[in-house]
Amino acid sequence: MSDIQLQSEIHNIIKKSGYSKSKKMLCPIMRIVSMRYINISQQQLLRVTNSML
């Protein structure tokens, strides 16, 4: 999965959650995306999620 697709997915998760962006959302977002996309690299996911939060 490309970084742009991953950013879009994370943006949608944040928007639908109703919460404002914060570093406290790192673990829940990583867990949700990891469950939806099993083959995604955890390093890529962490890098992109940190850059968005």
PDB file of N, CA and C in Angstrom:
ATOM      1  N   MET A   1       0.851  -1.167   0.000  1.00  0.00           N
ATOM      2  CA  MET A   1       0.000   0.000   0.000  1.00  0.00           C
ATOM      3  C   MET A   1       0.898   1.232   0.000  1.00  0.00           C
ATOM      4  N   SER A   2       0.566   2.194  -0.821  1.00  0.00           N
ATOM      5  CA  SER A   2       1.374   3.407  -0.901  1.00  0.00           C
ATOM      6  C   SER A   2       1.079   4.320   0.295  1.00  0.00           C
ATOM      7  N   ASP A   3       1.981   5.258   0.519  1.00  0.00           N
ATOM      8  CA  ASP A   3       1.829   6.193   1.630  1.00  0.00           C
ATOM      9  C   ASP A   3       0.584   7.063   1.457  1.00  0.00           C
ATOM     10  N   ILE A   4       0.280   7.430   0.235  1.00  0.00           N
ATOM     11  CA  ILE A   4      -0.882   8.282  -0.028  1.00  0.00           C
ATOM     12  C   ILE A   4      -2.179   7.546   0.293  1.00  0.00           C
ATOM     13  N   GLN A   5      -2.260   6.278  -0.083  1.00  0.00           N
ATOM     14  CA  GLN A   5      -3.443   5.482   0.240  1.00  0.00           C
ATOM     15  C   GLN A   5      -3.575   5.312   1.750  1.00  0.00           C
ATOM     16  N   LEU A   6      -2.460   5.105   2.395  1.00  0.00           N
ATOM     17  CA  LEU A   6      -2.456   4.937   3.846  1.00  0.00           C
ATOM     18  C   LEU A   6      -2.871   6.233   4.541  1.00  0.00           C
ATOM     19  N   GLN A   7      -2.394   7.361   4.064  1.00  0.00           N
ATOM     20  CA  GLN A   7      -2.786   8.651   4.629  1.00  0.00           C
ATOM     21  C   GLN A   7      -4.286   8.870   4.474  1.00  0.00           C
ATOM     22  N   SER A   8      -4.819   8.508   3.332  1.00  0.00           N
ATOM     23  CA  SER A   8      -6.249   8.650   3.097  1.00  0.00           C
ATOM     24  C   SER A   8      -7.051   7.783   4.062  1.00  0.00           C
ATOM     25  N   GLU A   9      -6.618   6.563   4.274  1.00  0.00           N
ATOM     26  CA  GLU A   9      -7.299   5.654   5.191  1.00  0.00           C
ATOM     27  C   GLU A   9      -7.261   6.182   6.622  1.00  0.00           C
ATOM     28  N   ILE A  10      -6.103   6.666   7.048  1.00  0.00           N
ATOM     29  CA  ILE A  10      -5.971   7.204   8.403  1.00  0.00           C
ATOM     30  C   ILE A  10      -6.816   8.467   8.560  1.00  0.00           C
ATOM     31  N   HIS A  11      -6.828   9.307   7.540  1.00  0.00           N
ATOM     32  CA  HIS A  11      -7.651  10.523   7.578  1.00  0.00           C
ATOM     33  C   HIS A  11      -9.126  10.165   7.756  1.00  0.00           C
ATOM     34  N   ASN A  12      -9.599   9.151   7.035  1.00  0.00           N
ATOM     35  CA  ASN A  12     -10.989   8.731   7.161  1.00  0.00           C
ATOM     36  C   ASN A  12     -11.289   8.179   8.549  1.00  0.00           C
ATOM     37  N   ILE A  13     -10.366   7.444   9.124  1.00  0.00           N
ATOM     38  CA  ILE A  13     -10.566   6.906  10.472  1.00  0.00           C
ATOM     39  C   ILE A  13     -10.676   8.035  11.485  1.00  0.00           C
ATOM     40  N   ILE A  14      -9.800   9.024  11.371  1.00  0.00           N
ATOM     41  CA  ILE A  14      -9.827  10.153  12.297  1.00  0.00           C
ATOM     42  C   ILE A  14     -11.125  10.944  12.137  1.00  0.00           C
ATOM     43  N   LYS A  15     -11.528  11.171  10.887  1.00  0.00           N
ATOM     44  CA  LYS A  15     -12.748  11.948  10.621  1.00  0.00           C
ATOM     45  C   LYS A  15     -13.981  11.241  11.163  1.00  0.00           C
ATOM     46  N   LYS A  16     -14.061   9.935  10.966  1.00  0.00           N
ATOM     47  CA  LYS A  16     -15.229   9.176  11.420  1.00  0.00           C
ATOM     48  C   LYS A  16     -15.256   8.971  12.928  1.00  0.00           C
ATOM     49  N   SER A  17     -14.094   9.062  13.581  1.00  0.00           N
ATOM     50  CA  SER A  17     -14.050   8.841  15.026  1.00  0.00           C
ATOM     51  C   SER A  17     -14.687   9.992  15.792  1.00  0.00           C
ATOM     52  N   GLY A  18     -14.599  11.187  15.241  1.00  0.00           N
ATOM     53  CA  GLY A  18     -15.178  12.341  15.920  1.00  0.00           C
ATOM     54  C   GLY A  18     -14.232  12.996  16.912  1.00  0.00           C
ATOM     55  N   TYR A  19     -13.053  12.435  17.104  1.00  0.00           N
ATOM     56  CA  TYR A  19     -12.062  12.993  18.016  1.00  0.00           C
ATOM     57  C   TYR A  19     -11.114  13.913  17.262  1.00  0.00           C
ATOM     58  N   SER A  20     -10.511  14.823  18.002  1.00  0.00           N
ATOM     59  CA  SER A  20      -9.486  15.667  17.378  1.00  0.00           C
ATOM     60  C   SER A  20      -8.171  14.900  17.340  1.00  0.00           C
ATOM     61  N   LYS A  21      -7.290  15.309  16.426  1.00  0.00           N
ATOM     62  CA  LYS A  21      -5.996  14.637  16.290  1.00  0.00           C
ATOM     63  C   LYS A  21      -5.174  14.820  17.557  1.00  0.00           C
ATOM     64  N   SER A  22      -4.576  13.741  18.026  1.00  0.00           N
ATOM     65  CA  SER A  22      -3.642  13.809  19.141  1.00  0.00           C
ATOM     66  C   SER A  22      -2.746  12.581  19.097  1.00  0.00           C
ATOM     67  N   LYS A  23      -1.638  12.653  19.793  1.00  0.00           N
ATOM     68  CA  LYS A  23      -0.693  11.532  19.833  1.00  0.00           C
ATOM     69  C   LYS A  23      -1.294  10.324  20.556  1.00  0.00           C
ATOM     70  N   LYS A  24      -2.346  10.540  21.348  1.00  0.00           N
ATOM     71  CA  LYS A  24      -2.995   9.444  22.069  1.00  0.00           C
ATOM     72  C   LYS A  24      -3.726   8.494  21.121  1.00  0.00           C
ATOM     73  N   MET A  25      -3.981   8.931  19.911  1.00  0.00           N
ATOM     74  CA  MET A  25      -4.698   8.108  18.931  1.00  0.00           C
ATOM     75  C   MET A  25      -3.769   7.176  18.154  1.00  0.00           C
ATOM     76  N   LEU A  26      -2.478   7.248  18.398  1.00  0.00           N
ATOM     77  CA  LEU A  26      -1.510   6.457  17.637  1.00  0.00           C
ATOM     78  C   LEU A  26      -1.795   4.958  17.739  1.00  0.00           C
ATOM     79  N   CYS A  27      -1.903   4.441  18.929  1.00  0.00           N
ATOM     80  CA  CYS A  27      -2.099   2.997  19.119  1.00  0.00           C
ATOM     81  C   CYS A  27      -3.435   2.517  18.546  1.00  0.00           C
ATOM     82  N   PRO A  28      -4.568   3.186  18.824  1.00  0.00           N
ATOM     83  CA  PRO A  28      -5.825   2.716  18.241  1.00  0.00           C
ATOM     84  C   PRO A  28      -5.844   2.750  16.713  1.00  0.00           C
ATOM     85  N   ILE A  29      -5.266   3.783  16.120  1.00  0.00           N
ATOM     86  CA  ILE A  29      -5.234   3.874  14.656  1.00  0.00           C
ATOM     87  C   ILE A  29      -4.381   2.758  14.081  1.00  0.00           C
ATOM     88  N   MET A  30      -3.232   2.524  14.694  1.00  0.00           N
ATOM     89  CA  MET A  30      -2.363   1.452  14.195  1.00  0.00           C
ATOM     90  C   MET A  30      -3.054   0.098  14.314  1.00  0.00           C
ATOM     91  N   ARG A  31      -3.775  -0.114  15.385  1.00  0.00           N
ATOM     92  CA  ARG A  31      -4.476  -1.380  15.573  1.00  0.00           C
ATOM     93  C   ARG A  31      -5.573  -1.561  14.525  1.00  0.00           C
ATOM     94  N   ILE A  32      -6.349  -0.521  14.271  1.00  0.00           N
ATOM     95  CA  ILE A  32      -7.439  -0.603  13.292  1.00  0.00           C
ATOM     96  C   ILE A  32      -6.894  -0.885  11.898  1.00  0.00           C
ATOM     97  N   VAL A  33      -5.883  -0.125  11.485  1.00  0.00           N
ATOM     98  CA  VAL A  33      -5.328  -0.307  10.145  1.00  0.00           C
ATOM     99  C   VAL A  33      -4.658  -1.675  10.020  1.00  0.00           C
ATOM    100  N   SER A  34      -3.983  -2.116  11.073  1.00  0.00           N
ATOM    101  CA  SER A  34      -3.329  -3.429  11.042  1.00  0.00           C
ATOM    102  C   SER A  34      -4.346  -4.560  10.890  1.00  0.00           C
ATOM    103  N   MET A  35      -5.499  -4.407  11.503  1.00  0.00           N
ATOM    104  CA  MET A  35      -6.528  -5.445  11.379  1.00  0.00           C
ATOM    105  C   MET A  35      -7.158  -5.431   9.983  1.00  0.00           C
ATOM    106  N   ARG A  36      -7.323  -4.250   9.416  1.00  0.00           N
ATOM    107  CA  ARG A  36      -7.932  -4.164   8.080  1.00  0.00           C
ATOM    108  C   ARG A  36      -6.980  -4.629   6.986  1.00  0.00           C
ATOM    109  N   TYR A  37      -5.719  -4.298   7.115  1.00  0.00           N
ATOM    110  CA  TYR A  37      -4.717  -4.618   6.102  1.00  0.00           C
ATOM    111  C   TYR A  37      -3.599  -5.412   6.763  1.00  0.00           C
ATOM    112  N   ILE A  38      -3.696  -6.710   6.724  1.00  0.00           N
ATOM    113  CA  ILE A  38      -2.768  -7.592   7.435  1.00  0.00           C
ATOM    114  C   ILE A  38      -1.356  -7.498   6.876  1.00  0.00           C
ATOM    115  N   ASN A  39      -1.212  -7.315   5.579  1.00  0.00           N
ATOM    116  CA  ASN A  39       0.100  -7.355   4.932  1.00  0.00           C
ATOM    117  C   ASN A  39       0.871  -6.042   4.978  1.00  0.00           C
ATOM    118  N   ILE A  40       0.360  -5.036   5.650  1.00  0.00           N
ATOM    119  CA  ILE A  40       1.033  -3.739   5.669  1.00  0.00           C
ATOM    120  C   ILE A  40       2.214  -3.766   6.641  1.00  0.00           C
ATOM    121  N   SER A  41       3.271  -3.087   6.272  1.00  0.00           N
ATOM    122  CA  SER A  41       4.464  -3.010   7.106  1.00  0.00           C
ATOM    123  C   SER A  41       4.180  -2.119   8.320  1.00  0.00           C
ATOM    124  N   GLN A  42       4.541  -2.604   9.500  1.00  0.00           N
ATOM    125  CA  GLN A  42       4.321  -1.830  10.726  1.00  0.00           C
ATOM    126  C   GLN A  42       5.189  -0.582  10.749  1.00  0.00           C
ATOM    127  N   GLN A  43       6.371  -0.654  10.175  1.00  0.00           N
ATOM    128  CA  GLN A  43       7.246   0.524  10.132  1.00  0.00           C
ATOM    129  C   GLN A  43       6.648   1.612   9.255  1.00  0.00           C
ATOM    130  N   GLN A  44       6.100   1.236   8.117  1.00  0.00           N
ATOM    131  CA  GLN A  44       5.470   2.202   7.223  1.00  0.00           C
ATOM    132  C   GLN A  44       4.251   2.810   7.902  1.00  0.00           C
ATOM    133  N   LEU A  45       3.459   1.973   8.539  1.00  0.00           N
ATOM    134  CA  LEU A  45       2.259   2.440   9.233  1.00  0.00           C
ATOM    135  C   LEU A  45       2.620   3.415  10.344  1.00  0.00           C
ATOM    136  N   LEU A  46       3.628   3.098  11.127  1.00  0.00           N
ATOM    137  CA  LEU A  46       4.046   3.979  12.214  1.00  0.00           C
ATOM    138  C   LEU A  46       4.559   5.313  11.681  1.00  0.00           C
ATOM    139  N   ARG A  47       5.358   5.263  10.624  1.00  0.00           N
ATOM    140  CA  ARG A  47       5.919   6.490  10.041  1.00  0.00           C
ATOM    141  C   ARG A  47       4.828   7.405   9.519  1.00  0.00           C
ATOM    142  N   VAL A  48       3.880   6.851   8.778  1.00  0.00           N
ATOM    143  CA  VAL A  48       2.814   7.665   8.195  1.00  0.00           C
ATOM    144  C   VAL A  48       1.864   8.193   9.274  1.00  0.00           C
ATOM    145  N   THR A  49       1.525   7.360  10.245  1.00  0.00           N
ATOM    146  CA  THR A  49       0.620   7.779  11.312  1.00  0.00           C
ATOM    147  C   THR A  49       1.251   8.896  12.147  1.00  0.00           C
ATOM    148  N   ASN A  50       2.521   8.748  12.479  1.00  0.00           N
ATOM    149  CA  ASN A  50       3.207   9.807  13.237  1.00  0.00           C
ATOM    150  C   ASN A  50       3.242  11.118  12.466  1.00  0.00           C
ATOM    151  N   SER A  51       3.436  11.046  11.163  1.00  0.00           N
ATOM    152  CA  SER A  51       3.493  12.290  10.384  1.00  0.00           C
ATOM    153  C   SER A  51       2.131  12.976  10.313  1.00  0.00           C
ATOM    154  N   MET A  52       1.059  12.201  10.410  1.00  0.00           N
ATOM    155  CA  MET A  52      -0.277  12.791  10.330  1.00  0.00           C
ATOM    156  C   MET A  52      -0.755  13.344  11.665  1.00  0.00           C
ATOM    157  N   LEU A  53      -0.276  12.762  12.750  1.00  0.00           N
ATOM    158  CA  LEU A  53      -0.697  13.233  14.065  1.00  0.00           C
ATOM    159  C   LEU A  53       0.275  14.288  14.532  1.00  0.00           C
TER     160      LEU A  53
END
